[in-house]
Amino acid sequence: MTPDANGRPSKDKAEAIRESWLAGCVSSDYRIPMVRMPRGRKEQQYRMAGDRAAKIAWQIYAKAVIDVLHYGPDRLERLRKESHANYEQLNKWGHEDGLDVAMEKLRRCAADAMQSPDLEVADIDGSKDAVEVDKEFRKQQLNFIKRVRAQTLGRIGATSQPVNVLAEQGVQNKVQLIMQQVSQQSFERRRRR
């Protein structure tokens, strides 16, 4: 993704792209069904973050269904309503019986749908796989930050060569070089006058 002025991926641009995927086919809005109204500011913030994440997941899922399964607007709308009803059912189970029981009921429903009675859901929190996934994500994040900072420093005019922006000495050397160039340019301008 192209970084914005702060060096971060542009959320607005990404949202516009996702919205364009579903324009004219199905509503791109997707809100998590509520079992009860949020109490307090913190719960409202969780609700807003959950709705935002659910909307993004729905948009990507719907795009995949359009591209791979060639669903039209009617089938997409039925899929959206049915997935919303399933989400509502899961929330209701979680509220009534607890999250563990709700997840087991969901596992059984998935096993029935797939006609596979031995379906197992592995919880990877804290496992080696989760650590590897987290490590890979952080590596990609650092590479993105390095590219953006190197591009930004390169635009200033000091050099076109990228620098290891996370190495403190490299950043300080780069800043000193830029300061020298700026002071030389201002000295030359004053001398010309």
C-alpha atoms as a PDB file:
ATOM      1  CA  MET A   1       0.000   0.000   0.000  1.00  0.00           C
ATOM      2  CA  THR A   2       1.115   3.533  -0.643  1.00  0.00           C
ATOM      3  CA  PRO A   3       2.021   5.328   2.609  1.00  0.00           C
ATOM      4  CA  ASP A   4       0.242   8.519   3.636  1.00  0.00           C
ATOM      5  CA  ALA A   5       1.906  11.718   4.897  1.00  0.00           C
ATOM      6  CA  ASN A   6       2.672  10.050   8.239  1.00  0.00           C
ATOM      7  CA  GLY A   7       4.343   7.058   6.599  1.00  0.00           C
ATOM      8  CA  ARG A   8       1.447   4.711   7.326  1.00  0.00           C
ATOM      9  CA  PRO A   9      -0.722   2.802   4.869  1.00  0.00           C
ATOM     10  CA  SER A  10      -3.621   4.967   3.704  1.00  0.00           C
ATOM     11  CA  LYS A  11      -6.763   3.691   5.428  1.00  0.00           C
ATOM     12  CA  ASP A  12      -9.058   5.937   3.409  1.00  0.00           C
ATOM     13  CA  LYS A  13      -7.657   4.746   0.103  1.00  0.00           C
ATOM     14  CA  ALA A  14      -7.895   1.086   1.159  1.00  0.00           C
ATOM     15  CA  GLU A  15     -11.490   1.605   2.313  1.00  0.00           C
ATOM     16  CA  ALA A  16     -12.416   3.268  -0.993  1.00  0.00           C
ATOM     17  CA  ILE A  17     -10.940   0.334  -2.916  1.00  0.00           C
ATOM     18  CA  ARG A  18     -12.881  -2.194  -0.817  1.00  0.00           C
ATOM     19  CA  GLU A  19     -16.082  -0.158  -1.219  1.00  0.00           C
ATOM     20  CA  SER A  20     -15.635  -0.109  -5.008  1.00  0.00           C
ATOM     21  CA  TRP A  21     -15.424  -3.916  -5.099  1.00  0.00           C
ATOM     22  CA  LEU A  22     -19.006  -4.263  -3.876  1.00  0.00           C
ATOM     23  CA  ALA A  23     -20.595  -1.179  -5.426  1.00  0.00           C
ATOM     24  CA  GLY A  24     -23.868  -2.158  -7.076  1.00  0.00           C
ATOM     25  CA  CYS A  25     -23.649  -5.763  -5.855  1.00  0.00           C
ATOM     26  CA  VAL A  26     -24.304  -5.801  -2.131  1.00  0.00           C
ATOM     27  CA  SER A  27     -24.078  -3.543   0.896  1.00  0.00           C
ATOM     28  CA  SER A  28     -20.516  -3.267   2.132  1.00  0.00           C
ATOM     29  CA  ASP A  29     -21.682  -2.339   5.626  1.00  0.00           C
ATOM     30  CA  TYR A  30     -21.544  -5.136   8.197  1.00  0.00           C
ATOM     31  CA  ARG A  31     -22.154  -4.659  11.894  1.00  0.00           C
ATOM     32  CA  ILE A  32     -21.747  -7.236  14.627  1.00  0.00           C
ATOM     33  CA  PRO A  33     -25.146  -8.220  16.045  1.00  0.00           C
ATOM     34  CA  MET A  34     -25.586  -7.029  19.627  1.00  0.00           C
ATOM     35  CA  VAL A  35     -26.844  -9.165  22.484  1.00  0.00           C
ATOM     36  CA  ARG A  36     -26.996  -6.082  24.696  1.00  0.00           C
ATOM     37  CA  MET A  37     -26.161  -2.405  24.399  1.00  0.00           C
ATOM     38  CA  PRO A  38     -22.585  -1.451  25.276  1.00  0.00           C
ATOM     39  CA  ARG A  39     -22.095  -0.036  28.760  1.00  0.00           C
ATOM     40  CA  GLY A  40     -19.549   2.699  29.123  1.00  0.00           C
ATOM     41  CA  ARG A  41     -17.070   4.263  26.764  1.00  0.00           C
ATOM     42  CA  LYS A  42     -14.650   1.332  26.673  1.00  0.00           C
ATOM     43  CA  GLU A  43     -17.364  -1.112  25.550  1.00  0.00           C
ATOM     44  CA  GLN A  44     -18.490   1.376  22.890  1.00  0.00           C
ATOM     45  CA  GLN A  45     -14.919   1.596  21.599  1.00  0.00           C
ATOM     46  CA  TYR A  46     -14.673  -2.208  21.479  1.00  0.00           C
ATOM     47  CA  ARG A  47     -17.961  -2.306  19.614  1.00  0.00           C
ATOM     48  CA  MET A  48     -16.780   0.264  17.044  1.00  0.00           C
ATOM     49  CA  ALA A  49     -13.486  -1.581  16.526  1.00  0.00           C
ATOM     50  CA  GLY A  50     -15.340  -4.889  16.172  1.00  0.00           C
ATOM     51  CA  ASP A  51     -17.744  -3.393  13.635  1.00  0.00           C
ATOM     52  CA  ARG A  52     -14.842  -1.964  11.634  1.00  0.00           C
ATOM     53  CA  ALA A  53     -13.045  -5.326  11.615  1.00  0.00           C
ATOM     54  CA  ALA A  54     -16.240  -7.198  10.688  1.00  0.00           C
ATOM     55  CA  LYS A  55     -16.876  -4.776   7.815  1.00  0.00           C
ATOM     56  CA  ILE A  56     -13.360  -5.288   6.414  1.00  0.00           C
ATOM     57  CA  ALA A  57     -13.669  -9.068   6.759  1.00  0.00           C
ATOM     58  CA  TRP A  58     -17.063  -9.009   5.026  1.00  0.00           C
ATOM     59  CA  GLN A  59     -15.762  -6.880   2.141  1.00  0.00           C
ATOM     60  CA  ILE A  60     -12.810  -9.190   1.513  1.00  0.00           C
ATOM     61  CA  TYR A  61     -14.979 -12.302   1.848  1.00  0.00           C
ATOM     62  CA  ALA A  62     -17.618 -10.910  -0.521  1.00  0.00           C
ATOM     63  CA  LYS A  63     -14.951  -9.959  -3.085  1.00  0.00           C
ATOM     64  CA  ALA A  64     -13.573 -13.493  -2.971  1.00  0.00           C
ATOM     65  CA  VAL A  65     -17.061 -14.970  -3.398  1.00  0.00           C
ATOM     66  CA  ILE A  66     -17.699 -12.696  -6.393  1.00  0.00           C
ATOM     67  CA  ASP A  67     -14.361 -13.544  -8.033  1.00  0.00           C
ATOM     68  CA  VAL A  68     -14.239 -17.271  -7.304  1.00  0.00           C
ATOM     69  CA  LEU A  69     -17.878 -18.370  -7.119  1.00  0.00           C
ATOM     70  CA  HIS A  70     -19.319 -15.637  -9.393  1.00  0.00           C
ATOM     71  CA  TYR A  71     -22.152 -14.753  -7.013  1.00  0.00           C
ATOM     72  CA  GLY A  72     -24.589 -12.114  -8.221  1.00  0.00           C
ATOM     73  CA  PRO A  73     -26.279  -9.411  -6.135  1.00  0.00           C
ATOM     74  CA  ASP A  74     -29.185 -11.601  -4.967  1.00  0.00           C
ATOM     75  CA  ARG A  75     -27.031 -14.476  -3.770  1.00  0.00           C
ATOM     76  CA  LEU A  76     -24.585 -12.059  -2.134  1.00  0.00           C
ATOM     77  CA  GLU A  77     -27.386 -10.376  -0.201  1.00  0.00           C
ATOM     78  CA  ARG A  78     -28.720 -13.769   0.953  1.00  0.00           C
ATOM     79  CA  LEU A  79     -25.186 -14.736   1.998  1.00  0.00           C
ATOM     80  CA  ARG A  80     -24.780 -11.476   3.935  1.00  0.00           C
ATOM     81  CA  LYS A  81     -28.094 -11.974   5.765  1.00  0.00           C
ATOM     82  CA  GLU A  82     -27.350 -15.616   6.546  1.00  0.00           C
ATOM     83  CA  SER A  83     -23.834 -14.895   7.827  1.00  0.00           C
ATOM     84  CA  HIS A  84     -25.264 -12.096   9.969  1.00  0.00           C
ATOM     85  CA  ALA A  85     -27.860 -14.519  11.400  1.00  0.00           C
ATOM     86  CA  ASN A  86     -25.106 -17.065  12.127  1.00  0.00           C
ATOM     87  CA  TYR A  87     -23.047 -14.389  13.881  1.00  0.00           C
ATOM     88  CA  GLU A  88     -26.103 -13.414  15.924  1.00  0.00           C
ATOM     89  CA  GLN A  89     -26.645 -17.058  16.930  1.00  0.00           C
ATOM     90  CA  LEU A  90     -23.008 -17.433  18.005  1.00  0.00           C
ATOM     91  CA  ASN A  91     -23.199 -14.250  20.094  1.00  0.00           C
ATOM     92  CA  LYS A  92     -26.395 -15.500  21.723  1.00  0.00           C
ATOM     93  CA  TRP A  93     -24.756 -18.832  22.591  1.00  0.00           C
ATOM     94  CA  GLY A  94     -21.716 -17.022  23.971  1.00  0.00           C
ATOM     95  CA  HIS A  95     -23.870 -14.750  26.102  1.00  0.00           C
ATOM     96  CA  GLU A  96     -26.069 -17.561  27.434  1.00  0.00           C
ATOM     97  CA  ASP A  97     -23.601 -20.437  27.841  1.00  0.00           C
ATOM     98  CA  GLY A  98     -20.126 -18.912  27.750  1.00  0.00           C
ATOM     99  CA  LEU A  99     -17.568 -18.625  24.973  1.00  0.00           C
ATOM    100  CA  ASP A 100     -16.151 -22.161  25.273  1.00  0.00           C
ATOM    101  CA  VAL A 101     -19.584 -23.760  24.902  1.00  0.00           C
ATOM    102  CA  ALA A 102     -20.440 -21.435  22.016  1.00  0.00           C
ATOM    103  CA  MET A 103     -17.227 -22.356  20.185  1.00  0.00           C
ATOM    104  CA  GLU A 104     -17.917 -26.068  20.688  1.00  0.00           C
ATOM    105  CA  LYS A 105     -21.430 -25.638  19.270  1.00  0.00           C
ATOM    106  CA  LEU A 106     -19.924 -23.781  16.313  1.00  0.00           C
ATOM    107  CA  ARG A 107     -17.397 -26.585  15.798  1.00  0.00           C
ATOM    108  CA  ARG A 108     -20.213 -29.159  15.764  1.00  0.00           C
ATOM    109  CA  CYS A 109     -22.199 -27.096  13.243  1.00  0.00           C
ATOM    110  CA  ALA A 110     -19.135 -26.834  10.998  1.00  0.00           C
ATOM    111  CA  ALA A 111     -18.481 -30.589  11.320  1.00  0.00           C
ATOM    112  CA  ASP A 112     -22.099 -31.326  10.348  1.00  0.00           C
ATOM    113  CA  ALA A 113     -21.955 -28.952   7.390  1.00  0.00           C
ATOM    114  CA  MET A 114     -18.690 -30.458   6.163  1.00  0.00           C
ATOM    115  CA  GLN A 115     -19.883 -34.006   6.961  1.00  0.00           C
ATOM    116  CA  SER A 116     -16.724 -34.584   8.959  1.00  0.00           C
ATOM    117  CA  PRO A 117     -17.420 -35.744  12.527  1.00  0.00           C
ATOM    118  CA  ASP A 118     -13.732 -35.633  13.517  1.00  0.00           C
ATOM    119  CA  LEU A 119     -13.263 -31.934  12.773  1.00  0.00           C
ATOM    120  CA  GLU A 120     -10.920 -30.382  15.330  1.00  0.00           C
ATOM    121  CA  VAL A 121     -10.263 -26.705  15.976  1.00  0.00           C
ATOM    122  CA  ALA A 122      -6.751 -26.037  17.207  1.00  0.00           C
ATOM    123  CA  ASP A 123      -6.280 -23.083  19.530  1.00  0.00           C
ATOM    124  CA  ILE A 124      -2.897 -21.640  18.593  1.00  0.00           C
ATOM    125  CA  ASP A 125      -2.674 -18.897  21.225  1.00  0.00           C
ATOM    126  CA  GLY A 126       0.723 -19.243  22.878  1.00  0.00           C
ATOM    127  CA  SER A 127       1.792 -22.084  20.620  1.00  0.00           C
ATOM    128  CA  LYS A 128       4.847 -22.205  18.384  1.00  0.00           C
ATOM    129  CA  ASP A 129       2.695 -21.436  15.317  1.00  0.00           C
ATOM    130  CA  ALA A 130       1.296 -18.271  16.882  1.00  0.00           C
ATOM    131  CA  VAL A 131       4.796 -17.093  17.769  1.00  0.00           C
ATOM    132  CA  GLU A 132       5.975 -17.707  14.187  1.00  0.00           C
ATOM    133  CA  VAL A 133       3.001 -15.843  12.719  1.00  0.00           C
ATOM    134  CA  ASP A 134       3.604 -12.935  15.087  1.00  0.00           C
ATOM    135  CA  LYS A 135       7.329 -12.890  14.258  1.00  0.00           C
ATOM    136  CA  GLU A 136       6.617 -12.849  10.504  1.00  0.00           C
ATOM    137  CA  PHE A 137       4.088 -10.029  10.922  1.00  0.00           C
ATOM    138  CA  ARG A 138       6.580  -7.927  12.889  1.00  0.00           C
ATOM    139  CA  LYS A 139       9.238  -8.592  10.247  1.00  0.00           C
ATOM    140  CA  GLN A 140       6.920  -7.368   7.488  1.00  0.00           C
ATOM    141  CA  GLN A 141       5.974  -4.346   9.573  1.00  0.00           C
ATOM    142  CA  LEU A 142       9.644  -3.421  10.125  1.00  0.00           C
ATOM    143  CA  ASN A 143      10.397  -3.810   6.414  1.00  0.00           C
ATOM    144  CA  PHE A 144       7.516  -1.475   5.564  1.00  0.00           C
ATOM    145  CA  ILE A 145       8.741   1.127   8.060  1.00  0.00           C
ATOM    146  CA  LYS A 146      12.294   0.864   6.727  1.00  0.00           C
ATOM    147  CA  ARG A 147      11.159   1.381   3.130  1.00  0.00           C
ATOM    148  CA  VAL A 148       9.025   4.388   3.998  1.00  0.00           C
ATOM    149  CA  ARG A 149      11.704   6.064   6.089  1.00  0.00           C
ATOM    150  CA  ALA A 150      14.380   5.388   3.500  1.00  0.00           C
ATOM    151  CA  GLN A 151      12.146   6.890   0.798  1.00  0.00           C
ATOM    152  CA  THR A 152      11.428   9.897   2.971  1.00  0.00           C
ATOM    153  CA  LEU A 153      15.082  10.496   3.808  1.00  0.00           C
ATOM    154  CA  GLY A 154      16.035   9.945   0.180  1.00  0.00           C
ATOM    155  CA  ARG A 155      13.576  12.640  -0.933  1.00  0.00           C
ATOM    156  CA  ILE A 156      15.287  15.228   1.232  1.00  0.00           C
ATOM    157  CA  GLY A 157      18.222  15.111  -1.154  1.00  0.00           C
ATOM    158  CA  ALA A 158      21.047  13.737   0.955  1.00  0.00           C
ATOM    159  CA  THR A 159      21.454  10.528  -0.991  1.00  0.00           C
ATOM    160  CA  SER A 160      19.443   8.094  -3.013  1.00  0.00           C
ATOM    161  CA  GLN A 161      20.937   5.159  -1.112  1.00  0.00           C
ATOM    162  CA  PRO A 162      18.631   3.679   1.530  1.00  0.00           C
ATOM    163  CA  VAL A 163      19.864   3.627   5.103  1.00  0.00           C
ATOM    164  CA  ASN A 164      19.096   1.209   7.921  1.00  0.00           C
ATOM    165  CA  VAL A 165      16.693   3.575   9.626  1.00  0.00           C
ATOM    166  CA  LEU A 166      16.456   1.510  12.765  1.00  0.00           C
ATOM    167  CA  ALA A 167      20.202   1.822  13.413  1.00  0.00           C
ATOM    168  CA  GLU A 168      20.519   4.925  15.558  1.00  0.00           C
ATOM    169  CA  GLN A 169      23.999   5.840  14.304  1.00  0.00           C
ATOM    170  CA  GLY A 170      22.845   5.545  10.682  1.00  0.00           C
ATOM    171  CA  VAL A 171      20.005   7.980  11.324  1.00  0.00           C
ATOM    172  CA  GLN A 172      22.297  10.446  13.083  1.00  0.00           C
ATOM    173  CA  ASN A 173      24.836  10.281  10.224  1.00  0.00           C
ATOM    174  CA  LYS A 174      22.068  10.914   7.725  1.00  0.00           C
ATOM    175  CA  VAL A 175      20.743  13.901   9.698  1.00  0.00           C
ATOM    176  CA  GLN A 176      24.235  15.396   9.996  1.00  0.00           C
ATOM    177  CA  LEU A 177      24.812  15.015   6.258  1.00  0.00           C
ATOM    178  CA  ILE A 178      21.520  16.761   5.531  1.00  0.00           C
ATOM    179  CA  MET A 179      22.331  19.564   7.979  1.00  0.00           C
ATOM    180  CA  GLN A 180      25.722  20.094   6.304  1.00  0.00           C
ATOM    181  CA  GLN A 181      24.136  20.274   2.876  1.00  0.00           C
ATOM    182  CA  VAL A 182      21.493  22.721   4.057  1.00  0.00           C
ATOM    183  CA  SER A 183      24.060  24.983   5.736  1.00  0.00           C
ATOM    184  CA  GLN A 184      26.305  24.882   2.628  1.00  0.00           C
ATOM    185  CA  GLN A 185      23.361  25.823   0.420  1.00  0.00           C
ATOM    186  CA  SER A 186      22.378  28.735   2.659  1.00  0.00           C
ATOM    187  CA  PHE A 187      26.028  29.899   2.788  1.00  0.00           C
ATOM    188  CA  GLU A 188      26.253  29.784  -1.018  1.00  0.00           C
ATOM    189  CA  ARG A 189      22.996  31.764  -1.341  1.00  0.00           C
ATOM    190  CA  ARG A 190      24.294  34.463   1.012  1.00  0.00           C
ATOM    191  CA  ARG A 191      27.606  34.621  -0.860  1.00  0.00           C
ATOM    192  CA  ARG A 192      25.827  35.141  -4.193  1.00  0.00           C
ATOM    193  CA  ARG A 193      23.954  38.176  -2.900  1.00  0.00           C
END
